[in-house]
Amino acid sequence: MDERINRLKDLDDYKLLDVIKNYKRYNYPESFKEEALKILEERGFGDEAIKLSGGYSNNMYMERFLHLW
């Protein structure tokens, strides 16, 4: 799994935001989300910037998921 996490460093910022937002949808472990957050922080993205980009949650996916229950 370390190799897969290391590959996150090669992704651009938009793809990292996608990983953060959709890690459950892609069946990634939460460690992927955490590592993507760390990488973005190293690149100068603050918590507020990530929140404003909608990077912390995929509301549409969660609504569909919860609707199934």
PDB file of N, CA and C in Angstrom:
ATOM      1  N   MET A   1       0.816  -1.189   0.000  1.00  0.00           N
ATOM      2  CA  MET A   1       0.000   0.000   0.000  1.00  0.00           C
ATOM      3  C   MET A   1       0.859   1.251   0.000  1.00  0.00           C
ATOM      4  N   ASP A   2       2.047   1.210   0.542  1.00  0.00           N
ATOM      5  CA  ASP A   2       2.918   2.385   0.562  1.00  0.00           C
ATOM      6  C   ASP A   2       3.181   2.905  -0.840  1.00  0.00           C
ATOM      7  N   GLU A   3       3.317   1.981  -1.793  1.00  0.00           N
ATOM      8  CA  GLU A   3       3.569   2.398  -3.178  1.00  0.00           C
ATOM      9  C   GLU A   3       2.384   3.195  -3.720  1.00  0.00           C
ATOM     10  N   ARG A   4       1.169   2.753  -3.402  1.00  0.00           N
ATOM     11  CA  ARG A   4      -0.020   3.468  -3.874  1.00  0.00           C
ATOM     12  C   ARG A   4      -0.107   4.850  -3.231  1.00  0.00           C
ATOM     13  N   ILE A   5       0.230   4.938  -1.962  1.00  0.00           N
ATOM     14  CA  ILE A   5       0.216   6.240  -1.291  1.00  0.00           C
ATOM     15  C   ILE A   5       1.289   7.143  -1.888  1.00  0.00           C
ATOM     16  N   ASN A   6       2.455   6.592  -2.190  1.00  0.00           N
ATOM     17  CA  ASN A   6       3.520   7.397  -2.800  1.00  0.00           C
ATOM     18  C   ASN A   6       3.105   7.943  -4.154  1.00  0.00           C
ATOM     19  N   ARG A   7       2.267   7.223  -4.880  1.00  0.00           N
ATOM     20  CA  ARG A   7       1.811   7.698  -6.187  1.00  0.00           C
ATOM     21  C   ARG A   7       0.945   8.951  -6.079  1.00  0.00           C
ATOM     22  N   LEU A   8       0.354   9.151  -4.912  1.00  0.00           N
ATOM     23  CA  LEU A   8      -0.455  10.354  -4.731  1.00  0.00           C
ATOM     24  C   LEU A   8       0.369  11.616  -4.941  1.00  0.00           C
ATOM     25  N   LYS A   9       1.645  11.554  -4.629  1.00  0.00           N
ATOM     26  CA  LYS A   9       2.515  12.729  -4.769  1.00  0.00           C
ATOM     27  C   LYS A   9       2.641  13.179  -6.212  1.00  0.00           C
ATOM     28  N   ASP A  10       2.391  12.276  -7.155  1.00  0.00           N
ATOM     29  CA  ASP A  10       2.482  12.608  -8.572  1.00  0.00           C
ATOM     30  C   ASP A  10       1.206  13.246  -9.122  1.00  0.00           C
ATOM     31  N   LEU A  11       0.128  13.204  -8.345  1.00  0.00           N
ATOM     32  CA  LEU A  11      -1.146  13.751  -8.820  1.00  0.00           C
ATOM     33  C   LEU A  11      -1.156  15.272  -8.728  1.00  0.00           C
ATOM     34  N   ASP A  12      -1.908  15.893  -9.628  1.00  0.00           N
ATOM     35  CA  ASP A  12      -2.055  17.344  -9.530  1.00  0.00           C
ATOM     36  C   ASP A  12      -3.038  17.685  -8.412  1.00  0.00           C
ATOM     37  N   ASP A  13      -3.141  18.948  -8.106  1.00  0.00           N
ATOM     38  CA  ASP A  13      -3.956  19.393  -6.979  1.00  0.00           C
ATOM     39  C   ASP A  13      -5.423  19.003  -7.129  1.00  0.00           C
ATOM     40  N   TYR A  14      -5.953  19.112  -8.339  1.00  0.00           N
ATOM     41  CA  TYR A  14      -7.364  18.792  -8.561  1.00  0.00           C
ATOM     42  C   TYR A  14      -7.645  17.316  -8.312  1.00  0.00           C
ATOM     43  N   LYS A  15      -6.730  16.468  -8.723  1.00  0.00           N
ATOM     44  CA  LYS A  15      -6.918  15.033  -8.499  1.00  0.00           C
ATOM     45  C   LYS A  15      -6.794  14.697  -7.016  1.00  0.00           C
ATOM     46  N   LEU A  16      -5.906  15.391  -6.309  1.00  0.00           N
ATOM     47  CA  LEU A  16      -5.801  15.173  -4.862  1.00  0.00           C
ATOM     48  C   LEU A  16      -7.090  15.602  -4.166  1.00  0.00           C
ATOM     49  N   LEU A  17      -7.660  16.721  -4.594  1.00  0.00           N
ATOM     50  CA  LEU A  17      -8.940  17.142  -4.034  1.00  0.00           C
ATOM     51  C   LEU A  17     -10.021  16.105  -4.319  1.00  0.00           C
ATOM     52  N   ASP A  18      -9.963  15.501  -5.485  1.00  0.00           N
ATOM     53  CA  ASP A  18     -10.915  14.453  -5.839  1.00  0.00           C
ATOM     54  C   ASP A  18     -10.744  13.238  -4.926  1.00  0.00           C
ATOM     55  N   VAL A  19      -9.506  12.875  -4.641  1.00  0.00           N
ATOM     56  CA  VAL A  19      -9.257  11.754  -3.726  1.00  0.00           C
ATOM     57  C   VAL A  19      -9.831  12.062  -2.349  1.00  0.00           C
ATOM     58  N   ILE A  20      -9.608  13.274  -1.864  1.00  0.00           N
ATOM     59  CA  ILE A  20     -10.125  13.664  -0.551  1.00  0.00           C
ATOM     60  C   ILE A  20     -11.645  13.602  -0.538  1.00  0.00           C
ATOM     61  N   LYS A  21     -12.229  14.103  -1.582  1.00  0.00           N
ATOM     62  CA  LYS A  21     -13.681  14.212  -1.657  1.00  0.00           C
ATOM     63  C   LYS A  21     -14.361  12.865  -1.898  1.00  0.00           C
ATOM     64  N   ASN A  22     -13.735  11.987  -2.642  1.00  0.00           N
ATOM     65  CA  ASN A  22     -14.381  10.752  -3.104  1.00  0.00           C
ATOM     66  C   ASN A  22     -13.676   9.459  -2.692  1.00  0.00           C
ATOM     67  N   TYR A  23     -12.862   9.505  -1.658  1.00  0.00           N
ATOM     68  CA  TYR A  23     -12.100   8.303  -1.327  1.00  0.00           C
ATOM     69  C   TYR A  23     -13.001   7.100  -1.029  1.00  0.00           C
ATOM     70  N   LYS A  24     -14.142   7.311  -0.432  1.00  0.00           N
ATOM     71  CA  LYS A  24     -15.066   6.198  -0.154  1.00  0.00           C
ATOM     72  C   LYS A  24     -15.654   5.649  -1.445  1.00  0.00           C
ATOM     73  N   ARG A  25     -15.993   6.535  -2.340  1.00  0.00           N
ATOM     74  CA  ARG A  25     -16.565   6.132  -3.625  1.00  0.00           C
ATOM     75  C   ARG A  25     -15.591   5.257  -4.411  1.00  0.00           C
ATOM     76  N   TYR A  26     -14.306   5.566  -4.297  1.00  0.00           N
ATOM     77  CA  TYR A  26     -13.275   4.799  -4.998  1.00  0.00           C
ATOM     78  C   TYR A  26     -12.788   3.602  -4.182  1.00  0.00           C
ATOM     79  N   ASN A  27     -13.390   3.399  -3.021  1.00  0.00           N
ATOM     80  CA  ASN A  27     -12.992   2.313  -2.116  1.00  0.00           C
ATOM     81  C   ASN A  27     -11.532   2.424  -1.674  1.00  0.00           C
ATOM     82  N   TYR A  28     -11.078   3.661  -1.507  1.00  0.00           N
ATOM     83  CA  TYR A  28      -9.743   3.894  -0.971  1.00  0.00           C
ATOM     84  C   TYR A  28      -9.825   3.904   0.555  1.00  0.00           C
ATOM     85  N   PRO A  29      -8.785   3.485   1.222  1.00  0.00           N
ATOM     86  CA  PRO A  29      -8.778   3.604   2.690  1.00  0.00           C
ATOM     87  C   PRO A  29      -8.675   5.070   3.102  1.00  0.00           C
ATOM     88  N   GLU A  30      -9.051   5.356   4.326  1.00  0.00           N
ATOM     89  CA  GLU A  30      -9.012   6.729   4.821  1.00  0.00           C
ATOM     90  C   GLU A  30      -7.587   7.280   4.821  1.00  0.00           C
ATOM     91  N   SER A  31      -6.600   6.392   4.878  1.00  0.00           N
ATOM     92  CA  SER A  31      -5.209   6.853   4.854  1.00  0.00           C
ATOM     93  C   SER A  31      -4.884   7.580   3.549  1.00  0.00           C
ATOM     94  N   PHE A  32      -5.571   7.237   2.451  1.00  0.00           N
ATOM     95  CA  PHE A  32      -5.370   7.959   1.196  1.00  0.00           C
ATOM     96  C   PHE A  32      -5.826   9.400   1.340  1.00  0.00           C
ATOM     97  N   LYS A  33      -6.988   9.587   1.950  1.00  0.00           N
ATOM     98  CA  LYS A  33      -7.516  10.929   2.165  1.00  0.00           C
ATOM     99  C   LYS A  33      -6.543  11.732   3.018  1.00  0.00           C
ATOM    100  N   GLU A  34      -6.073  11.128   4.100  1.00  0.00           N
ATOM    101  CA  GLU A  34      -5.161  11.816   5.007  1.00  0.00           C
ATOM    102  C   GLU A  34      -3.854  12.192   4.311  1.00  0.00           C
ATOM    103  N   GLU A  35      -3.335  11.289   3.504  1.00  0.00           N
ATOM    104  CA  GLU A  35      -2.086  11.572   2.801  1.00  0.00           C
ATOM    105  C   GLU A  35      -2.290  12.661   1.748  1.00  0.00           C
ATOM    106  N   ALA A  36      -3.422  12.621   1.043  1.00  0.00           N
ATOM    107  CA  ALA A  36      -3.718  13.665   0.057  1.00  0.00           C
ATOM    108  C   ALA A  36      -3.810  15.033   0.736  1.00  0.00           C
ATOM    109  N   LEU A  37      -4.410  15.075   1.925  1.00  0.00           N
ATOM    110  CA  LEU A  37      -4.475  16.325   2.687  1.00  0.00           C
ATOM    111  C   LEU A  37      -3.079  16.826   3.037  1.00  0.00           C
ATOM    112  N   LYS A  38      -2.219  15.928   3.480  1.00  0.00           N
ATOM    113  CA  LYS A  38      -0.849  16.311   3.835  1.00  0.00           C
ATOM    114  C   LYS A  38      -0.112  16.885   2.626  1.00  0.00           C
ATOM    115  N   ILE A  39      -0.279  16.227   1.482  1.00  0.00           N
ATOM    116  CA  ILE A  39       0.403  16.683   0.267  1.00  0.00           C
ATOM    117  C   ILE A  39      -0.073  18.081  -0.118  1.00  0.00           C
ATOM    118  N   LEU A  40      -1.385  18.299  -0.071  1.00  0.00           N
ATOM    119  CA  LEU A  40      -1.908  19.624  -0.411  1.00  0.00           C
ATOM    120  C   LEU A  40      -1.417  20.678   0.567  1.00  0.00           C
ATOM    121  N   GLU A  41      -1.345  20.339   1.835  1.00  0.00           N
ATOM    122  CA  GLU A  41      -0.827  21.281   2.823  1.00  0.00           C
ATOM    123  C   GLU A  41       0.630  21.617   2.535  1.00  0.00           C
ATOM    124  N   GLU A  42       1.416  20.624   2.130  1.00  0.00           N
ATOM    125  CA  GLU A  42       2.817  20.862   1.768  1.00  0.00           C
ATOM    126  C   GLU A  42       2.921  21.771   0.554  1.00  0.00           C
ATOM    127  N   ARG A  43       1.919  21.713  -0.317  1.00  0.00           N
ATOM    128  CA  ARG A  43       1.905  22.547  -1.523  1.00  0.00           C
ATOM    129  C   ARG A  43       1.329  23.937  -1.259  1.00  0.00           C
ATOM    130  N   GLY A  44       0.984  24.206  -0.017  1.00  0.00           N
ATOM    131  CA  GLY A  44       0.517  25.534   0.334  1.00  0.00           C
ATOM    132  C   GLY A  44      -0.983  25.696   0.451  1.00  0.00           C
ATOM    133  N   PHE A  45      -1.729  24.624   0.288  1.00  0.00           N
ATOM    134  CA  PHE A  45      -3.175  24.698   0.461  1.00  0.00           C
ATOM    135  C   PHE A  45      -3.486  24.651   1.944  1.00  0.00           C
ATOM    136  N   GLY A  46      -4.226  25.630   2.401  1.00  0.00           N
ATOM    137  CA  GLY A  46      -4.658  25.638   3.788  1.00  0.00           C
ATOM    138  C   GLY A  46      -5.999  24.947   3.929  1.00  0.00           C
ATOM    139  N   ASP A  47      -6.387  24.740   5.153  1.00  0.00           N
ATOM    140  CA  ASP A  47      -7.655  24.100   5.458  1.00  0.00           C
ATOM    141  C   ASP A  47      -8.822  24.853   4.838  1.00  0.00           C
ATOM    142  N   GLU A  48      -8.777  26.162   4.910  1.00  0.00           N
ATOM    143  CA  GLU A  48      -9.861  26.982   4.367  1.00  0.00           C
ATOM    144  C   GLU A  48      -9.972  26.826   2.852  1.00  0.00           C
ATOM    145  N   ALA A  49      -8.855  26.782   2.167  1.00  0.00           N
ATOM    146  CA  ALA A  49      -8.869  26.615   0.705  1.00  0.00           C
ATOM    147  C   ALA A  49      -9.473  25.270   0.317  1.00  0.00           C
ATOM    148  N   ILE A  50      -9.162  24.249   1.075  1.00  0.00           N
ATOM    149  CA  ILE A  50      -9.708  22.921   0.786  1.00  0.00           C
ATOM    150  C   ILE A  50     -11.215  22.913   1.042  1.00  0.00           C
ATOM    151  N   LYS A  51     -11.639  23.542   2.129  1.00  0.00           N
ATOM    152  CA  LYS A  51     -13.076  23.628   2.427  1.00  0.00           C
ATOM    153  C   LYS A  51     -13.809  24.379   1.321  1.00  0.00           C
ATOM    154  N   LEU A  52     -13.251  25.507   0.892  1.00  0.00           N
ATOM    155  CA  LEU A  52     -13.900  26.310  -0.141  1.00  0.00           C
ATOM    156  C   LEU A  52     -14.006  25.573  -1.471  1.00  0.00           C
ATOM    157  N   SER A  53     -13.072  24.672  -1.722  1.00  0.00           N
ATOM    158  CA  SER A  53     -13.112  23.908  -2.970  1.00  0.00           C
ATOM    159  C   SER A  53     -14.093  22.746  -2.883  1.00  0.00           C
ATOM    160  N   GLY A  54     -14.675  22.546  -1.707  1.00  0.00           N
ATOM    161  CA  GLY A  54     -15.595  21.427  -1.521  1.00  0.00           C
ATOM    162  C   GLY A  54     -14.868  20.119  -1.357  1.00  0.00           C
ATOM    163  N   GLY A  55     -13.615  20.203  -0.980  1.00  0.00           N
ATOM    164  CA  GLY A  55     -12.769  19.024  -0.951  1.00  0.00           C
ATOM    165  C   GLY A  55     -12.990  18.036   0.166  1.00  0.00           C
ATOM    166  N   TYR A  56     -13.753  18.388   1.187  1.00  0.00           N
ATOM    167  CA  TYR A  56     -13.879  17.469   2.310  1.00  0.00           C
ATOM    168  C   TYR A  56     -14.999  16.457   2.172  1.00  0.00           C
ATOM    169  N   SER A  57     -15.985  16.732   1.362  1.00  0.00           N
ATOM    170  CA  SER A  57     -17.064  15.753   1.245  1.00  0.00           C
ATOM    171  C   SER A  57     -17.748  15.867  -0.103  1.00  0.00           C
ATOM    172  N   ASN A  58     -18.278  14.748  -0.520  1.00  0.00           N
ATOM    173  CA  ASN A  58     -19.047  14.690  -1.755  1.00  0.00           C
ATOM    174  C   ASN A  58     -20.502  14.526  -1.341  1.00  0.00           C
ATOM    175  N   ASN A  59     -21.193  15.637  -1.190  1.00  0.00           N
ATOM    176  CA  ASN A  59     -22.559  15.608  -0.686  1.00  0.00           C
ATOM    177  C   ASN A  59     -23.507  14.839  -1.587  1.00  0.00           C
ATOM    178  N   MET A  60     -23.341  14.952  -2.896  1.00  0.00           N
ATOM    179  CA  MET A  60     -24.223  14.226  -3.807  1.00  0.00           C
ATOM    180  C   MET A  60     -24.061  12.724  -3.630  1.00  0.00           C
ATOM    181  N   TYR A  61     -22.828  12.265  -3.517  1.00  0.00           N
ATOM    182  CA  TYR A  61     -22.581  10.835  -3.337  1.00  0.00           C
ATOM    183  C   TYR A  61     -23.169  10.365  -2.012  1.00  0.00           C
ATOM    184  N   MET A  62     -22.933  11.125  -0.942  1.00  0.00           N
ATOM    185  CA  MET A  62     -23.433  10.729   0.367  1.00  0.00           C
ATOM    186  C   MET A  62     -24.956  10.719   0.393  1.00  0.00           C
ATOM    187  N   GLU A  63     -25.599  11.676  -0.267  1.00  0.00           N
ATOM    188  CA  GLU A  63     -27.056  11.688  -0.318  1.00  0.00           C
ATOM    189  C   GLU A  63     -27.579  10.443  -1.023  1.00  0.00           C
ATOM    190  N   ARG A  64     -26.958  10.065  -2.117  1.00  0.00           N
ATOM    191  CA  ARG A  64     -27.385   8.855  -2.834  1.00  0.00           C
ATOM    192  C   ARG A  64     -27.142   7.622  -1.982  1.00  0.00           C
ATOM    193  N   PHE A  65     -25.986   7.579  -1.345  1.00  0.00           N
ATOM    194  CA  PHE A  65     -25.633   6.432  -0.508  1.00  0.00           C
ATOM    195  C   PHE A  65     -26.630   6.287   0.644  1.00  0.00           C
ATOM    196  N   LEU A  66     -26.910   7.378   1.321  1.00  0.00           N
ATOM    197  CA  LEU A  66     -27.832   7.336   2.461  1.00  0.00           C
ATOM    198  C   LEU A  66     -29.261   7.051   2.014  1.00  0.00           C
ATOM    199  N   HIS A  67     -29.599   7.486   0.819  1.00  0.00           N
ATOM    200  CA  HIS A  67     -30.948   7.241   0.293  1.00  0.00           C
ATOM    201  C   HIS A  67     -31.188   5.753   0.091  1.00  0.00           C
ATOM    202  N   LEU A  68     -30.147   4.996  -0.199  1.00  0.00           N
ATOM    203  CA  LEU A  68     -30.288   3.552  -0.405  1.00  0.00           C
ATOM    204  C   LEU A  68     -30.673   2.828   0.871  1.00  0.00           C
ATOM    205  N   TRP A  69     -30.353   3.430   1.997  1.00  0.00           N
ATOM    206  CA  TRP A  69     -30.671   2.786   3.286  1.00  0.00           C
ATOM    207  C   TRP A  69     -32.046   3.190   3.672  1.00  0.00           C
TER     208      TRP A  69
END
